[in-house]
Amino acid sequence: MPELERFDIAKYFEYILFSSDMRLSKPNPKIFLGALGHMKLSPEDAVYVGDDLSIDIVGAKLAGMKTVWIEHCPASKPAAGFSPDAKVKAGSCRDLAGILPALM
C-alpha cells in the first residue's frame, strides 16, 4: 500500500489484494486467481502489470493472465517459458495506455 499511496494511484484500483492477505507468497497463482475471483474475471480478461520477472510475471502467467513488465533492470532475464507479453520502462508507465488495449 505504501507504493500505491506514494505514487497516488490507489484511487485507480477497484480492488487491492496483498499476498499476505491470503497467507501465500508470490509467485503462487492462487493469489492472482483469488483477486480475479473476487472481481468475477477470468484470467483471459485481465492483464497483470508488475515489476518483478521472477514473482510477478511468473505468478500471473501461472494463473493464465497476460502480463506487462515494468522494466527497472534491463539486464534481468525472465524465467524459462515466462516472458512478459509486453514491457514498459520504469518511469514510462504512461505508455500502458497504448499497450493494454492491444493485449485485451
N, C-alpha and C. Protein backbone atom coordinates (compact mmCIF):
# COMPACT_ATOMS: atom_id res chain seq x y z
N MET A 1 0.82 -1.20 0.00
CA MET A 1 0.00 0.00 0.00
C MET A 1 0.86 1.27 0.00
N PRO A 2 2.01 1.27 0.68
CA PRO A 2 2.83 2.49 0.65
C PRO A 2 3.22 2.93 -0.77
N GLU A 3 3.54 1.96 -1.64
CA GLU A 3 3.90 2.32 -3.02
C GLU A 3 2.71 2.92 -3.76
N LEU A 4 1.53 2.34 -3.56
CA LEU A 4 0.34 2.86 -4.22
C LEU A 4 0.02 4.27 -3.74
N GLU A 5 0.23 4.50 -2.46
CA GLU A 5 -0.03 5.84 -1.91
C GLU A 5 1.06 6.82 -2.34
N ARG A 6 2.31 6.36 -2.36
CA ARG A 6 3.42 7.25 -2.75
C ARG A 6 3.23 7.76 -4.17
N PHE A 7 2.75 6.91 -5.06
CA PHE A 7 2.54 7.32 -6.45
C PHE A 7 1.13 7.83 -6.70
N ASP A 8 0.33 7.90 -5.63
CA ASP A 8 -1.04 8.43 -5.70
C ASP A 8 -1.88 7.69 -6.74
N ILE A 9 -1.78 6.36 -6.72
CA ILE A 9 -2.53 5.58 -7.69
C ILE A 9 -3.54 4.62 -7.05
N ALA A 10 -3.58 4.53 -5.74
CA ALA A 10 -4.52 3.62 -5.07
C ALA A 10 -5.95 3.90 -5.49
N LYS A 11 -6.25 5.16 -5.76
CA LYS A 11 -7.62 5.54 -6.14
C LYS A 11 -8.07 4.93 -7.47
N TYR A 12 -7.13 4.44 -8.26
CA TYR A 12 -7.47 3.87 -9.55
C TYR A 12 -7.79 2.38 -9.50
N PHE A 13 -7.68 1.79 -8.31
CA PHE A 13 -7.92 0.37 -8.18
C PHE A 13 -9.26 0.10 -7.52
N GLU A 14 -10.02 -0.74 -8.16
CA GLU A 14 -11.33 -1.14 -7.64
C GLU A 14 -11.16 -2.11 -6.47
N TYR A 15 -10.14 -2.92 -6.53
CA TYR A 15 -9.89 -3.94 -5.51
C TYR A 15 -8.39 -4.15 -5.38
N ILE A 16 -7.91 -4.25 -4.16
CA ILE A 16 -6.48 -4.47 -3.90
C ILE A 16 -6.36 -5.68 -3.00
N LEU A 17 -5.55 -6.65 -3.41
CA LEU A 17 -5.30 -7.85 -2.64
C LEU A 17 -3.80 -8.01 -2.47
N PHE A 18 -3.36 -8.13 -1.24
CA PHE A 18 -1.95 -8.37 -0.96
C PHE A 18 -1.75 -9.86 -0.69
N SER A 19 -0.60 -10.38 -1.09
CA SER A 19 -0.34 -11.80 -0.88
C SER A 19 -0.45 -12.16 0.60
N SER A 20 -0.07 -11.25 1.47
CA SER A 20 -0.16 -11.51 2.91
C SER A 20 -1.61 -11.69 3.37
N ASP A 21 -2.56 -11.10 2.65
CA ASP A 21 -3.98 -11.28 2.98
C ASP A 21 -4.39 -12.74 2.82
N MET A 22 -3.72 -13.44 1.92
CA MET A 22 -4.06 -14.84 1.64
C MET A 22 -3.08 -15.80 2.33
N ARG A 23 -2.10 -15.24 3.03
CA ARG A 23 -1.07 -16.05 3.70
C ARG A 23 -0.34 -16.95 2.71
N LEU A 24 -0.07 -16.37 1.55
CA LEU A 24 0.67 -17.04 0.49
C LEU A 24 1.76 -16.10 0.01
N SER A 25 2.66 -16.62 -0.77
CA SER A 25 3.71 -15.80 -1.35
C SER A 25 3.68 -15.92 -2.86
N LYS A 26 3.97 -14.82 -3.53
CA LYS A 26 4.14 -14.87 -4.98
C LYS A 26 5.38 -15.72 -5.24
N PRO A 27 5.37 -16.48 -6.29
CA PRO A 27 4.51 -16.48 -7.47
C PRO A 27 3.33 -17.44 -7.40
N ASN A 28 2.85 -17.82 -6.24
CA ASN A 28 1.72 -18.74 -6.13
C ASN A 28 0.54 -18.19 -6.93
N PRO A 29 0.06 -18.93 -7.92
CA PRO A 29 -1.03 -18.42 -8.77
C PRO A 29 -2.35 -18.25 -8.03
N LYS A 30 -2.51 -18.87 -6.85
CA LYS A 30 -3.75 -18.72 -6.08
C LYS A 30 -3.99 -17.26 -5.69
N ILE A 31 -2.93 -16.50 -5.53
CA ILE A 31 -3.07 -15.07 -5.20
C ILE A 31 -3.75 -14.35 -6.35
N PHE A 32 -3.25 -14.56 -7.53
CA PHE A 32 -3.79 -13.90 -8.73
C PHE A 32 -5.22 -14.38 -9.01
N LEU A 33 -5.43 -15.68 -8.88
CA LEU A 33 -6.76 -16.24 -9.11
C LEU A 33 -7.75 -15.77 -8.04
N GLY A 34 -7.27 -15.56 -6.82
CA GLY A 34 -8.14 -15.04 -5.77
C GLY A 34 -8.64 -13.63 -6.09
N ALA A 35 -7.74 -12.79 -6.57
CA ALA A 35 -8.14 -11.43 -6.95
C ALA A 35 -9.11 -11.46 -8.12
N LEU A 36 -8.82 -12.30 -9.09
CA LEU A 36 -9.72 -12.41 -10.25
C LEU A 36 -11.09 -12.92 -9.82
N GLY A 37 -11.12 -13.90 -8.94
CA GLY A 37 -12.38 -14.44 -8.46
C GLY A 37 -13.21 -13.39 -7.73
N HIS A 38 -12.55 -12.57 -6.92
CA HIS A 38 -13.26 -11.51 -6.20
C HIS A 38 -13.91 -10.54 -7.18
N MET A 39 -13.22 -10.29 -8.29
CA MET A 39 -13.72 -9.33 -9.28
C MET A 39 -14.56 -10.00 -10.36
N LYS A 40 -14.75 -11.31 -10.23
CA LYS A 40 -15.54 -12.08 -11.20
C LYS A 40 -14.99 -11.95 -12.62
N LEU A 41 -13.68 -12.09 -12.72
CA LEU A 41 -13.00 -12.05 -14.01
C LEU A 41 -12.28 -13.36 -14.27
N SER A 42 -12.17 -13.73 -15.53
CA SER A 42 -11.35 -14.88 -15.88
C SER A 42 -9.95 -14.38 -16.21
N PRO A 43 -8.94 -15.24 -16.11
CA PRO A 43 -7.57 -14.82 -16.42
C PRO A 43 -7.43 -14.21 -17.82
N GLU A 44 -8.23 -14.69 -18.77
CA GLU A 44 -8.16 -14.19 -20.14
C GLU A 44 -8.66 -12.76 -20.26
N ASP A 45 -9.41 -12.30 -19.26
CA ASP A 45 -9.99 -10.96 -19.29
C ASP A 45 -9.20 -9.95 -18.47
N ALA A 46 -7.99 -10.31 -18.07
CA ALA A 46 -7.20 -9.42 -17.21
C ALA A 46 -5.76 -9.36 -17.68
N VAL A 47 -5.11 -8.26 -17.35
CA VAL A 47 -3.69 -8.09 -17.62
C VAL A 47 -3.03 -7.70 -16.29
N TYR A 48 -1.97 -8.40 -15.94
CA TYR A 48 -1.23 -8.09 -14.71
C TYR A 48 -0.02 -7.24 -15.07
N VAL A 49 0.16 -6.16 -14.33
CA VAL A 49 1.30 -5.28 -14.52
C VAL A 49 2.17 -5.39 -13.28
N GLY A 50 3.42 -5.80 -13.46
CA GLY A 50 4.32 -5.99 -12.32
C GLY A 50 5.74 -5.64 -12.66
N ASP A 51 6.54 -5.46 -11.62
CA ASP A 51 7.92 -5.05 -11.85
C ASP A 51 8.96 -6.11 -11.51
N ASP A 52 8.52 -7.31 -11.18
CA ASP A 52 9.47 -8.37 -10.84
C ASP A 52 9.22 -9.58 -11.74
N LEU A 53 10.19 -9.90 -12.56
CA LEU A 53 10.03 -11.01 -13.50
C LEU A 53 9.83 -12.34 -12.80
N SER A 54 10.54 -12.57 -11.70
CA SER A 54 10.53 -13.89 -11.08
C SER A 54 9.29 -14.15 -10.23
N ILE A 55 8.63 -13.11 -9.72
CA ILE A 55 7.44 -13.39 -8.92
C ILE A 55 6.17 -12.83 -9.54
N ASP A 56 6.21 -11.61 -10.04
CA ASP A 56 5.00 -11.01 -10.62
C ASP A 56 4.63 -11.68 -11.94
N ILE A 57 5.57 -11.70 -12.85
CA ILE A 57 5.29 -12.22 -14.20
C ILE A 57 5.05 -13.73 -14.15
N VAL A 58 5.88 -14.46 -13.42
CA VAL A 58 5.71 -15.91 -13.32
C VAL A 58 4.36 -16.25 -12.69
N GLY A 59 4.02 -15.60 -11.58
CA GLY A 59 2.76 -15.90 -10.90
C GLY A 59 1.55 -15.61 -11.77
N ALA A 60 1.55 -14.47 -12.43
CA ALA A 60 0.42 -14.12 -13.30
C ALA A 60 0.33 -15.08 -14.49
N LYS A 61 1.45 -15.44 -15.05
CA LYS A 61 1.45 -16.38 -16.17
C LYS A 61 0.94 -17.75 -15.72
N LEU A 62 1.35 -18.21 -14.52
CA LEU A 62 0.85 -19.48 -14.00
C LEU A 62 -0.66 -19.45 -13.80
N ALA A 63 -1.19 -18.26 -13.53
CA ALA A 63 -2.64 -18.10 -13.36
C ALA A 63 -3.35 -17.95 -14.71
N GLY A 64 -2.60 -17.85 -15.80
CA GLY A 64 -3.20 -17.75 -17.13
C GLY A 64 -3.45 -16.34 -17.61
N MET A 65 -2.81 -15.37 -16.97
CA MET A 65 -3.03 -13.96 -17.33
C MET A 65 -1.99 -13.48 -18.35
N LYS A 66 -2.34 -12.45 -19.08
CA LYS A 66 -1.36 -11.71 -19.88
C LYS A 66 -0.62 -10.78 -18.92
N THR A 67 0.60 -10.40 -19.29
CA THR A 67 1.43 -9.63 -18.36
C THR A 67 2.16 -8.48 -19.05
N VAL A 68 2.40 -7.44 -18.25
CA VAL A 68 3.25 -6.33 -18.66
C VAL A 68 4.30 -6.17 -17.56
N TRP A 69 5.55 -6.14 -17.96
CA TRP A 69 6.66 -5.98 -17.02
C TRP A 69 7.11 -4.52 -17.01
N ILE A 70 7.16 -3.93 -15.83
CA ILE A 70 7.75 -2.60 -15.66
C ILE A 70 9.24 -2.84 -15.45
N GLU A 71 10.01 -2.49 -16.45
CA GLU A 71 11.42 -2.83 -16.53
C GLU A 71 12.28 -1.84 -15.74
N HIS A 72 12.74 -2.29 -14.57
CA HIS A 72 13.66 -1.49 -13.77
C HIS A 72 15.11 -1.81 -14.12
N CYS A 73 15.34 -3.08 -14.40
CA CYS A 73 16.70 -3.54 -14.66
C CYS A 73 16.72 -4.30 -15.99
N PRO A 74 17.17 -3.64 -17.05
CA PRO A 74 17.15 -4.29 -18.38
C PRO A 74 17.94 -5.59 -18.45
N ALA A 75 18.90 -5.78 -17.53
CA ALA A 75 19.71 -6.99 -17.55
C ALA A 75 18.95 -8.20 -17.01
N SER A 76 17.80 -7.98 -16.36
CA SER A 76 17.01 -9.09 -15.82
C SER A 76 16.52 -9.98 -16.95
N LYS A 77 16.51 -11.25 -16.69
CA LYS A 77 16.05 -12.22 -17.69
C LYS A 77 14.85 -12.97 -17.12
N PRO A 78 13.81 -13.17 -17.91
CA PRO A 78 12.63 -13.90 -17.43
C PRO A 78 12.96 -15.38 -17.22
N ALA A 79 12.22 -16.02 -16.34
CA ALA A 79 12.35 -17.46 -16.15
C ALA A 79 11.94 -18.14 -17.45
N ALA A 80 12.53 -19.28 -17.73
CA ALA A 80 12.24 -20.00 -18.97
C ALA A 80 10.74 -20.24 -19.11
N GLY A 81 10.20 -19.82 -20.24
CA GLY A 81 8.79 -20.02 -20.52
C GLY A 81 7.85 -18.98 -19.92
N PHE A 82 8.40 -17.96 -19.28
CA PHE A 82 7.56 -16.97 -18.60
C PHE A 82 7.88 -15.54 -19.02
N SER A 83 8.03 -15.32 -20.29
CA SER A 83 8.31 -13.97 -20.78
C SER A 83 7.05 -13.10 -20.69
N PRO A 84 7.22 -11.83 -20.34
CA PRO A 84 6.05 -10.94 -20.32
C PRO A 84 5.51 -10.72 -21.73
N ASP A 85 4.24 -10.41 -21.83
CA ASP A 85 3.63 -10.15 -23.13
C ASP A 85 4.03 -8.78 -23.67
N ALA A 86 4.38 -7.88 -22.76
CA ALA A 86 4.82 -6.53 -23.14
C ALA A 86 5.66 -5.99 -21.99
N LYS A 87 6.37 -4.90 -22.27
CA LYS A 87 7.13 -4.27 -21.21
C LYS A 87 7.14 -2.76 -21.41
N VAL A 88 7.29 -2.06 -20.31
CA VAL A 88 7.46 -0.61 -20.32
C VAL A 88 8.65 -0.31 -19.43
N LYS A 89 9.37 0.71 -19.77
CA LYS A 89 10.50 1.12 -18.94
C LYS A 89 9.97 1.82 -17.69
N ALA A 90 10.66 1.60 -16.58
CA ALA A 90 10.29 2.29 -15.35
C ALA A 90 10.29 3.79 -15.62
N GLY A 91 9.30 4.48 -15.13
CA GLY A 91 9.18 5.91 -15.38
C GLY A 91 8.39 6.23 -16.63
N SER A 92 8.05 5.21 -17.41
CA SER A 92 7.29 5.41 -18.65
C SER A 92 5.94 4.71 -18.57
N CYS A 93 5.39 4.62 -17.39
CA CYS A 93 4.14 3.87 -17.22
C CYS A 93 2.97 4.47 -17.96
N ARG A 94 3.09 5.70 -18.37
CA ARG A 94 2.02 6.30 -19.18
C ARG A 94 1.86 5.53 -20.50
N ASP A 95 2.90 4.82 -20.90
CA ASP A 95 2.83 4.01 -22.12
C ASP A 95 1.83 2.86 -21.99
N LEU A 96 1.43 2.53 -20.76
CA LEU A 96 0.47 1.45 -20.57
C LEU A 96 -0.83 1.70 -21.31
N ALA A 97 -1.22 2.95 -21.40
CA ALA A 97 -2.48 3.30 -22.08
C ALA A 97 -2.49 2.78 -23.52
N GLY A 98 -1.35 2.75 -24.18
CA GLY A 98 -1.27 2.24 -25.53
C GLY A 98 -1.08 0.75 -25.62
N ILE A 99 -0.50 0.16 -24.57
CA ILE A 99 -0.20 -1.27 -24.58
C ILE A 99 -1.40 -2.12 -24.17
N LEU A 100 -2.11 -1.71 -23.14
CA LEU A 100 -3.18 -2.55 -22.59
C LEU A 100 -4.28 -2.89 -23.58
N PRO A 101 -4.78 -1.93 -24.37
CA PRO A 101 -5.84 -2.31 -25.32
C PRO A 101 -5.38 -3.38 -26.32
N ALA A 102 -4.12 -3.34 -26.70
CA ALA A 102 -3.61 -4.33 -27.66
C ALA A 102 -3.55 -5.73 -27.06
N LEU A 103 -3.40 -5.82 -25.74
CA LEU A 103 -3.33 -7.13 -25.07
C LEU A 103 -4.71 -7.72 -24.81
N MET A 104 -5.73 -6.89 -24.82
CA MET A 104 -7.08 -7.37 -24.50
C MET A 104 -7.72 -7.85 -25.74
